[in-house]
N, C-alpha and C. Protein backbone atom coordinates (compact mmCIF):
# COMPACT_ATOMS: atom_id res chain seq x y z
N MET A 1 24.72 12.32 -3.75
CA MET A 1 24.38 11.26 -2.80
C MET A 1 23.19 11.72 -1.94
N PRO A 2 22.17 10.86 -1.75
CA PRO A 2 21.02 11.25 -0.95
C PRO A 2 21.38 11.44 0.52
N ASP A 3 20.62 12.26 1.19
CA ASP A 3 20.82 12.52 2.60
C ASP A 3 20.02 11.50 3.40
N ALA A 4 20.71 10.54 3.99
CA ALA A 4 20.05 9.44 4.71
C ALA A 4 19.29 9.91 5.95
N ALA A 5 19.47 11.17 6.33
CA ALA A 5 18.74 11.70 7.49
C ALA A 5 17.26 11.90 7.14
N PHE A 6 16.96 11.92 5.84
CA PHE A 6 15.58 12.15 5.39
C PHE A 6 15.05 10.91 4.67
N LYS A 7 13.72 10.77 4.70
CA LYS A 7 13.09 9.68 3.98
C LYS A 7 13.16 9.92 2.49
N ARG A 8 13.22 8.84 1.75
CA ARG A 8 13.20 8.89 0.30
C ARG A 8 11.75 9.16 -0.15
N PRO A 9 11.53 10.10 -1.06
CA PRO A 9 10.15 10.42 -1.48
C PRO A 9 9.66 9.47 -2.59
N GLU A 10 9.74 8.19 -2.28
CA GLU A 10 9.32 7.16 -3.19
C GLU A 10 8.81 6.01 -2.34
N SER A 11 7.66 5.45 -2.70
CA SER A 11 7.03 4.44 -1.87
C SER A 11 6.37 3.34 -2.69
N VAL A 12 5.89 2.33 -1.97
CA VAL A 12 5.14 1.23 -2.59
C VAL A 12 3.76 1.15 -1.96
N LEU A 13 2.81 0.67 -2.75
CA LEU A 13 1.47 0.36 -2.31
C LEU A 13 1.22 -1.08 -2.74
N VAL A 14 0.90 -1.94 -1.78
CA VAL A 14 0.68 -3.36 -2.08
C VAL A 14 -0.78 -3.67 -1.79
N LEU A 15 -1.54 -3.96 -2.82
CA LEU A 15 -2.94 -4.35 -2.69
C LEU A 15 -2.98 -5.84 -2.40
N VAL A 16 -3.58 -6.21 -1.27
CA VAL A 16 -3.70 -7.62 -0.90
C VAL A 16 -5.18 -7.95 -0.97
N ALA A 17 -5.52 -8.93 -1.80
CA ALA A 17 -6.94 -9.25 -2.02
C ALA A 17 -7.13 -10.72 -2.32
N THR A 18 -8.37 -11.17 -2.14
CA THR A 18 -8.71 -12.55 -2.51
C THR A 18 -9.39 -12.53 -3.85
N HIS A 19 -9.45 -13.67 -4.49
CA HIS A 19 -10.13 -13.78 -5.79
C HIS A 19 -11.63 -13.53 -5.68
N ALA A 20 -12.16 -13.65 -4.46
CA ALA A 20 -13.58 -13.38 -4.22
C ALA A 20 -13.85 -11.88 -4.01
N GLY A 21 -12.81 -11.06 -3.99
CA GLY A 21 -13.01 -9.63 -3.89
C GLY A 21 -12.92 -9.04 -2.48
N GLU A 22 -12.29 -9.75 -1.56
CA GLU A 22 -12.07 -9.20 -0.23
C GLU A 22 -10.68 -8.57 -0.21
N VAL A 23 -10.60 -7.41 0.45
CA VAL A 23 -9.37 -6.64 0.45
C VAL A 23 -8.88 -6.44 1.88
N LEU A 24 -7.59 -6.61 2.09
CA LEU A 24 -7.00 -6.35 3.39
C LEU A 24 -6.70 -4.86 3.52
N LEU A 25 -7.24 -4.25 4.58
CA LEU A 25 -6.92 -2.88 4.92
C LEU A 25 -6.35 -2.87 6.33
N ILE A 26 -5.43 -1.92 6.58
CA ILE A 26 -4.86 -1.75 7.91
C ILE A 26 -5.00 -0.29 8.32
N GLU A 27 -5.26 -0.08 9.58
CA GLU A 27 -5.44 1.28 10.10
C GLU A 27 -4.16 1.76 10.78
N ARG A 28 -3.70 2.90 10.34
CA ARG A 28 -2.49 3.50 10.94
C ARG A 28 -2.78 3.96 12.36
N ARG A 29 -1.75 3.94 13.18
CA ARG A 29 -1.84 4.46 14.54
C ARG A 29 -2.06 5.97 14.50
N PHE A 30 -1.37 6.63 13.55
CA PHE A 30 -1.50 8.07 13.37
C PHE A 30 -1.52 8.37 11.87
N PRO A 31 -2.42 9.16 11.40
CA PRO A 31 -3.57 9.71 12.13
C PRO A 31 -4.64 8.64 12.31
N VAL A 32 -5.35 8.75 13.42
CA VAL A 32 -6.41 7.80 13.75
C VAL A 32 -7.45 7.79 12.62
N GLY A 33 -7.91 6.61 12.27
CA GLY A 33 -8.92 6.48 11.23
C GLY A 33 -8.35 6.48 9.82
N PHE A 34 -7.02 6.44 9.68
CA PHE A 34 -6.38 6.45 8.36
C PHE A 34 -6.20 5.00 7.92
N TRP A 35 -7.14 4.51 7.11
CA TRP A 35 -7.10 3.13 6.60
C TRP A 35 -6.38 3.12 5.27
N GLN A 36 -5.62 2.03 5.03
CA GLN A 36 -4.83 1.92 3.81
C GLN A 36 -4.51 0.47 3.53
N SER A 37 -4.02 0.25 2.31
CA SER A 37 -3.40 -1.03 1.98
C SER A 37 -1.99 -1.00 2.54
N VAL A 38 -1.24 -2.04 2.34
CA VAL A 38 0.15 -2.09 2.78
C VAL A 38 0.91 -1.00 2.01
N THR A 39 1.63 -0.15 2.73
CA THR A 39 2.40 0.91 2.08
C THR A 39 3.70 1.14 2.83
N GLY A 40 4.62 1.81 2.18
CA GLY A 40 5.85 2.18 2.87
C GLY A 40 6.88 2.78 1.91
N SER A 41 7.77 3.54 2.50
CA SER A 41 8.81 4.21 1.71
C SER A 41 9.94 3.28 1.34
N LEU A 42 10.49 3.52 0.17
CA LEU A 42 11.71 2.80 -0.21
C LEU A 42 12.87 3.33 0.61
N GLU A 43 13.73 2.44 1.00
CA GLU A 43 14.95 2.86 1.67
C GLU A 43 15.95 3.28 0.61
N TRP A 44 16.92 4.11 1.00
CA TRP A 44 17.94 4.54 0.05
C TRP A 44 18.68 3.29 -0.46
N GLY A 45 18.81 3.16 -1.77
CA GLY A 45 19.49 2.04 -2.37
C GLY A 45 18.60 0.81 -2.62
N GLU A 46 17.34 0.88 -2.24
CA GLU A 46 16.42 -0.23 -2.39
C GLU A 46 15.56 -0.05 -3.63
N ASN A 47 15.21 -1.13 -4.32
CA ASN A 47 14.31 -1.02 -5.47
C ASN A 47 12.87 -1.28 -5.02
N ALA A 48 11.92 -0.93 -5.87
CA ALA A 48 10.51 -1.01 -5.50
C ALA A 48 10.04 -2.44 -5.22
N PRO A 49 10.39 -3.45 -6.03
CA PRO A 49 9.96 -4.80 -5.69
C PRO A 49 10.47 -5.29 -4.33
N SER A 50 11.72 -4.98 -4.03
CA SER A 50 12.26 -5.37 -2.70
C SER A 50 11.50 -4.66 -1.58
N ALA A 51 11.17 -3.39 -1.79
CA ALA A 51 10.43 -2.64 -0.78
C ALA A 51 9.02 -3.23 -0.60
N ALA A 52 8.40 -3.66 -1.69
CA ALA A 52 7.05 -4.25 -1.59
C ALA A 52 7.09 -5.51 -0.73
N HIS A 53 8.07 -6.36 -0.95
CA HIS A 53 8.22 -7.59 -0.14
C HIS A 53 8.50 -7.24 1.32
N ARG A 54 9.41 -6.29 1.53
CA ARG A 54 9.79 -5.91 2.90
C ARG A 54 8.59 -5.32 3.63
N GLU A 55 7.87 -4.39 3.01
CA GLU A 55 6.73 -3.76 3.66
C GLU A 55 5.61 -4.75 3.96
N LEU A 56 5.36 -5.68 3.04
CA LEU A 56 4.35 -6.71 3.28
C LEU A 56 4.71 -7.49 4.54
N GLN A 57 5.96 -7.90 4.64
CA GLN A 57 6.44 -8.67 5.81
C GLN A 57 6.36 -7.83 7.08
N GLU A 58 6.85 -6.59 7.03
CA GLU A 58 6.88 -5.74 8.22
C GLU A 58 5.48 -5.39 8.73
N GLU A 59 4.58 -5.08 7.81
CA GLU A 59 3.25 -4.56 8.22
C GLU A 59 2.23 -5.64 8.48
N THR A 60 2.41 -6.84 7.91
CA THR A 60 1.39 -7.90 8.06
C THR A 60 1.95 -9.23 8.54
N GLY A 61 3.27 -9.40 8.49
CA GLY A 61 3.87 -10.69 8.83
C GLY A 61 3.79 -11.69 7.69
N LEU A 62 3.23 -11.28 6.54
CA LEU A 62 3.10 -12.18 5.41
C LEU A 62 4.35 -12.16 4.53
N SER A 63 4.74 -13.34 4.06
CA SER A 63 5.81 -13.46 3.07
C SER A 63 5.16 -14.05 1.82
N ALA A 64 5.46 -13.47 0.68
CA ALA A 64 4.87 -13.95 -0.55
C ALA A 64 5.85 -13.79 -1.70
N THR A 65 5.90 -14.78 -2.55
CA THR A 65 6.75 -14.68 -3.73
C THR A 65 5.96 -14.22 -4.93
N ALA A 66 4.65 -14.23 -4.84
CA ALA A 66 3.78 -13.93 -5.98
C ALA A 66 3.29 -12.48 -6.00
N ILE A 67 4.04 -11.57 -5.44
CA ILE A 67 3.63 -10.16 -5.52
C ILE A 67 3.83 -9.69 -6.94
N GLU A 68 2.78 -9.17 -7.55
CA GLU A 68 2.81 -8.74 -8.93
C GLU A 68 3.13 -7.24 -9.01
N ASP A 69 4.15 -6.88 -9.78
CA ASP A 69 4.48 -5.48 -10.02
C ASP A 69 3.55 -5.00 -11.13
N LEU A 70 2.66 -4.07 -10.82
CA LEU A 70 1.69 -3.59 -11.79
C LEU A 70 2.28 -2.62 -12.80
N GLN A 71 3.57 -2.26 -12.61
CA GLN A 71 4.28 -1.42 -13.57
C GLN A 71 3.59 -0.06 -13.76
N ILE A 72 2.96 0.42 -12.72
CA ILE A 72 2.27 1.71 -12.75
C ILE A 72 2.21 2.22 -11.32
N GLY A 73 1.80 3.44 -11.16
CA GLY A 73 1.67 4.01 -9.82
C GLY A 73 1.09 5.39 -9.91
N ALA A 74 1.47 6.22 -8.97
CA ALA A 74 0.93 7.60 -8.91
C ALA A 74 1.96 8.53 -8.29
N ARG A 75 1.76 9.79 -8.51
CA ARG A 75 2.51 10.82 -7.81
C ARG A 75 1.50 11.59 -6.99
N PHE A 76 1.86 11.91 -5.76
CA PHE A 76 0.93 12.65 -4.92
C PHE A 76 1.70 13.60 -4.01
N HIS A 77 0.97 14.63 -3.57
CA HIS A 77 1.56 15.59 -2.64
C HIS A 77 1.65 14.95 -1.25
N ILE A 78 2.76 15.17 -0.61
CA ILE A 78 2.98 14.64 0.73
C ILE A 78 2.16 15.47 1.73
N ARG A 79 1.45 14.76 2.59
CA ARG A 79 0.61 15.46 3.61
C ARG A 79 1.49 16.38 4.43
N PRO A 80 1.02 17.60 4.74
CA PRO A 80 1.83 18.56 5.51
C PRO A 80 2.40 18.00 6.81
N GLU A 81 1.62 17.19 7.53
CA GLU A 81 2.10 16.67 8.80
C GLU A 81 3.22 15.65 8.66
N TRP A 82 3.47 15.17 7.45
CA TRP A 82 4.53 14.19 7.21
C TRP A 82 5.73 14.79 6.49
N ARG A 83 5.67 16.04 6.06
CA ARG A 83 6.76 16.65 5.25
C ARG A 83 8.08 16.78 6.02
N ARG A 84 8.03 16.90 7.33
CA ARG A 84 9.26 17.08 8.11
C ARG A 84 10.20 15.87 7.98
N ARG A 85 9.64 14.73 7.57
CA ARG A 85 10.44 13.51 7.41
C ARG A 85 11.30 13.54 6.15
N PHE A 86 10.97 14.46 5.23
CA PHE A 86 11.64 14.53 3.94
C PHE A 86 12.56 15.74 3.89
N ALA A 87 13.48 15.73 2.94
CA ALA A 87 14.40 16.84 2.77
C ALA A 87 13.63 18.14 2.53
N PRO A 88 14.19 19.27 2.95
CA PRO A 88 13.50 20.54 2.72
C PRO A 88 13.16 20.72 1.24
N GLY A 89 11.95 21.19 0.98
CA GLY A 89 11.51 21.44 -0.38
C GLY A 89 10.84 20.24 -1.05
N VAL A 90 10.95 19.06 -0.48
CA VAL A 90 10.30 17.89 -1.08
C VAL A 90 8.82 17.94 -0.74
N ARG A 91 8.00 17.94 -1.77
CA ARG A 91 6.55 18.04 -1.57
C ARG A 91 5.78 16.91 -2.24
N GLU A 92 6.47 16.11 -3.06
CA GLU A 92 5.78 15.09 -3.84
C GLU A 92 6.45 13.72 -3.65
N ASN A 93 5.61 12.69 -3.69
CA ASN A 93 6.09 11.31 -3.54
C ASN A 93 5.68 10.51 -4.79
N ARG A 94 6.56 9.62 -5.19
CA ARG A 94 6.26 8.69 -6.29
C ARG A 94 5.92 7.33 -5.69
N GLU A 95 4.74 6.79 -6.04
CA GLU A 95 4.26 5.55 -5.46
C GLU A 95 4.21 4.47 -6.55
N HIS A 96 4.76 3.29 -6.26
CA HIS A 96 4.74 2.14 -7.18
C HIS A 96 3.69 1.16 -6.68
N TRP A 97 2.86 0.64 -7.59
CA TRP A 97 1.75 -0.23 -7.21
C TRP A 97 2.06 -1.71 -7.46
N PHE A 98 1.67 -2.54 -6.48
CA PHE A 98 1.85 -3.97 -6.53
C PHE A 98 0.54 -4.64 -6.10
N ARG A 99 0.41 -5.93 -6.44
CA ARG A 99 -0.82 -6.65 -6.09
C ARG A 99 -0.44 -8.08 -5.67
N LEU A 100 -1.15 -8.55 -4.64
CA LEU A 100 -0.99 -9.93 -4.19
C LEU A 100 -2.37 -10.55 -4.08
N TRP A 101 -2.62 -11.61 -4.86
CA TRP A 101 -3.87 -12.35 -4.80
C TRP A 101 -3.69 -13.51 -3.83
N LEU A 102 -4.67 -13.69 -2.95
CA LEU A 102 -4.70 -14.83 -2.04
C LEU A 102 -5.97 -15.63 -2.29
N GLU A 103 -5.97 -16.90 -1.93
CA GLU A 103 -7.16 -17.73 -2.12
C GLU A 103 -8.26 -17.35 -1.13
N ALA A 104 -7.88 -16.96 0.07
CA ALA A 104 -8.84 -16.63 1.12
C ALA A 104 -8.19 -15.66 2.10
N PRO A 105 -8.99 -14.95 2.89
CA PRO A 105 -8.42 -14.06 3.91
C PRO A 105 -7.54 -14.86 4.89
N VAL A 106 -6.50 -14.23 5.33
CA VAL A 106 -5.59 -14.83 6.31
C VAL A 106 -5.41 -13.89 7.49
N ARG A 107 -5.02 -14.43 8.61
CA ARG A 107 -4.71 -13.61 9.78
C ARG A 107 -3.36 -12.92 9.53
N VAL A 108 -3.25 -11.70 10.00
CA VAL A 108 -2.00 -10.95 9.84
C VAL A 108 -1.47 -10.54 11.21
N ARG A 109 -0.16 -10.27 11.24
CA ARG A 109 0.49 -9.78 12.45
C ARG A 109 0.89 -8.34 12.16
N LEU A 110 0.25 -7.41 12.82
CA LEU A 110 0.46 -5.98 12.55
C LEU A 110 1.77 -5.46 13.14
N SER A 111 2.31 -4.48 12.46
CA SER A 111 3.47 -3.76 12.98
C SER A 111 2.99 -2.75 14.03
N ARG A 112 3.93 -2.12 14.70
CA ARG A 112 3.58 -1.12 15.73
C ARG A 112 2.93 0.12 15.14
N GLU A 113 3.11 0.38 13.84
CA GLU A 113 2.54 1.58 13.26
C GLU A 113 1.07 1.42 12.88
N HIS A 114 0.51 0.21 13.08
CA HIS A 114 -0.89 -0.04 12.77
C HIS A 114 -1.62 -0.58 13.99
N VAL A 115 -2.93 -0.28 14.05
CA VAL A 115 -3.72 -0.71 15.22
C VAL A 115 -4.76 -1.77 14.90
N ARG A 116 -5.20 -1.85 13.66
CA ARG A 116 -6.22 -2.82 13.28
C ARG A 116 -6.05 -3.26 11.84
N ALA A 117 -6.51 -4.46 11.59
CA ALA A 117 -6.58 -5.00 10.21
C ALA A 117 -7.98 -5.47 9.98
N GLN A 118 -8.44 -5.35 8.75
CA GLN A 118 -9.80 -5.81 8.44
C GLN A 118 -9.85 -6.24 6.98
N TRP A 119 -10.55 -7.35 6.73
CA TRP A 119 -10.83 -7.80 5.37
C TRP A 119 -12.21 -7.27 5.00
N LEU A 120 -12.32 -6.55 3.90
CA LEU A 120 -13.57 -5.95 3.47
C LEU A 120 -13.86 -6.28 2.02
N PRO A 121 -15.14 -6.31 1.65
CA PRO A 121 -15.45 -6.40 0.21
C PRO A 121 -14.82 -5.20 -0.49
N VAL A 122 -14.38 -5.38 -1.71
CA VAL A 122 -13.64 -4.33 -2.41
C VAL A 122 -14.41 -3.02 -2.46
N ARG A 123 -15.72 -3.04 -2.66
CA ARG A 123 -16.48 -1.78 -2.74
C ARG A 123 -16.42 -1.01 -1.42
N GLU A 124 -16.46 -1.74 -0.29
CA GLU A 124 -16.35 -1.08 1.02
C GLU A 124 -14.92 -0.57 1.24
N ALA A 125 -13.94 -1.34 0.80
CA ALA A 125 -12.55 -0.93 0.95
C ALA A 125 -12.29 0.36 0.19
N VAL A 126 -12.84 0.46 -1.01
CA VAL A 126 -12.69 1.67 -1.82
C VAL A 126 -13.21 2.89 -1.06
N LYS A 127 -14.32 2.73 -0.38
CA LYS A 127 -14.90 3.84 0.39
C LYS A 127 -14.10 4.16 1.66
N ARG A 128 -13.44 3.18 2.24
CA ARG A 128 -12.77 3.38 3.52
C ARG A 128 -11.38 3.96 3.42
N VAL A 129 -10.61 3.64 2.37
CA VAL A 129 -9.22 4.06 2.32
C VAL A 129 -9.14 5.60 2.30
N ALA A 130 -8.13 6.11 2.97
CA ALA A 130 -7.95 7.55 3.13
C ALA A 130 -7.27 8.21 1.94
N SER A 131 -6.51 7.46 1.19
CA SER A 131 -5.70 8.01 0.11
C SER A 131 -6.40 7.86 -1.23
N TRP A 132 -6.40 8.92 -2.02
CA TRP A 132 -7.01 8.87 -3.35
C TRP A 132 -6.28 7.84 -4.23
N SER A 133 -4.95 7.76 -4.09
CA SER A 133 -4.21 6.83 -4.95
C SER A 133 -4.54 5.38 -4.58
N ASN A 134 -4.72 5.10 -3.31
CA ASN A 134 -5.12 3.77 -2.87
C ASN A 134 -6.50 3.43 -3.43
N ARG A 135 -7.40 4.39 -3.42
CA ARG A 135 -8.76 4.21 -3.95
C ARG A 135 -8.72 3.87 -5.44
N VAL A 136 -7.94 4.63 -6.20
CA VAL A 136 -7.84 4.42 -7.64
C VAL A 136 -7.22 3.04 -7.92
N ALA A 137 -6.17 2.69 -7.20
CA ALA A 137 -5.52 1.39 -7.40
C ALA A 137 -6.49 0.25 -7.12
N LEU A 138 -7.27 0.35 -6.06
CA LEU A 138 -8.25 -0.70 -5.74
C LEU A 138 -9.31 -0.81 -6.84
N GLN A 139 -9.77 0.32 -7.32
CA GLN A 139 -10.80 0.31 -8.37
C GLN A 139 -10.27 -0.30 -9.65
N ARG A 140 -9.07 0.04 -10.05
CA ARG A 140 -8.51 -0.43 -11.32
C ARG A 140 -7.97 -1.84 -11.27
N TYR A 141 -7.35 -2.22 -10.17
CA TYR A 141 -6.61 -3.48 -10.15
C TYR A 141 -7.18 -4.56 -9.25
N ILE A 142 -8.27 -4.28 -8.55
CA ILE A 142 -8.99 -5.32 -7.80
C ILE A 142 -10.44 -5.37 -8.25
N GLN A 143 -11.15 -4.25 -8.17
CA GLN A 143 -12.59 -4.22 -8.47
C GLN A 143 -12.86 -4.55 -9.93
N GLN A 144 -12.20 -3.90 -10.89
CA GLN A 144 -12.47 -4.14 -12.30
C GLN A 144 -12.13 -5.56 -12.75
N PRO A 145 -10.97 -6.12 -12.35
CA PRO A 145 -10.70 -7.49 -12.79
C PRO A 145 -11.74 -8.49 -12.34
N LEU A 146 -12.40 -8.23 -11.19
CA LEU A 146 -13.43 -9.15 -10.69
C LEU A 146 -14.67 -9.12 -11.59
N HIS A 147 -14.89 -8.03 -12.29
CA HIS A 147 -16.08 -7.88 -13.09
C HIS A 147 -15.86 -8.17 -14.59
N GLN A 148 -14.62 -8.45 -14.96
CA GLN A 148 -14.37 -8.77 -16.36
C GLN A 148 -14.89 -10.16 -16.67
N LYS A 149 -15.50 -10.31 -17.82
CA LYS A 149 -16.04 -11.60 -18.22
C LYS A 149 -14.97 -12.39 -19.01
N PRO A 150 -14.88 -13.68 -18.75
CA PRO A 150 -13.93 -14.48 -19.53
C PRO A 150 -14.41 -14.59 -21.00
N TYR A 151 -13.47 -14.80 -21.88
CA TYR A 151 -13.79 -14.92 -23.32
C TYR A 151 -14.36 -16.27 -23.64
């Protein structure tokens, strides 16, 4: 049985973008300047799709039924300043990737853990995000689909 005193080393990343290639990024309160897409840890007993919906609602105030499970993700080392939240010896996190397409940018209601939200062109968003996995997800699942030619 997992120890509920520690965070689960499994998370979701939800890419929120418009069909025109604008991406929603949010800046964490700590560390300052840490820009990211919607992210968050799975709770014990929760599945990844449920966590994606919950995190989207908590971090932006948005509710959406059309969140797409990309059926892929990444594994990454947990930043040293965040390791105390996890059980001793846990050094790696498994991240599940999701995507939400919107017709146009919308206003969001930020959670207390974030200080700013900004809609950026995908190329700028790729440069701004702090996480390598967020960067790769944006490049593969937002930027490339925009440049694919229809048959």
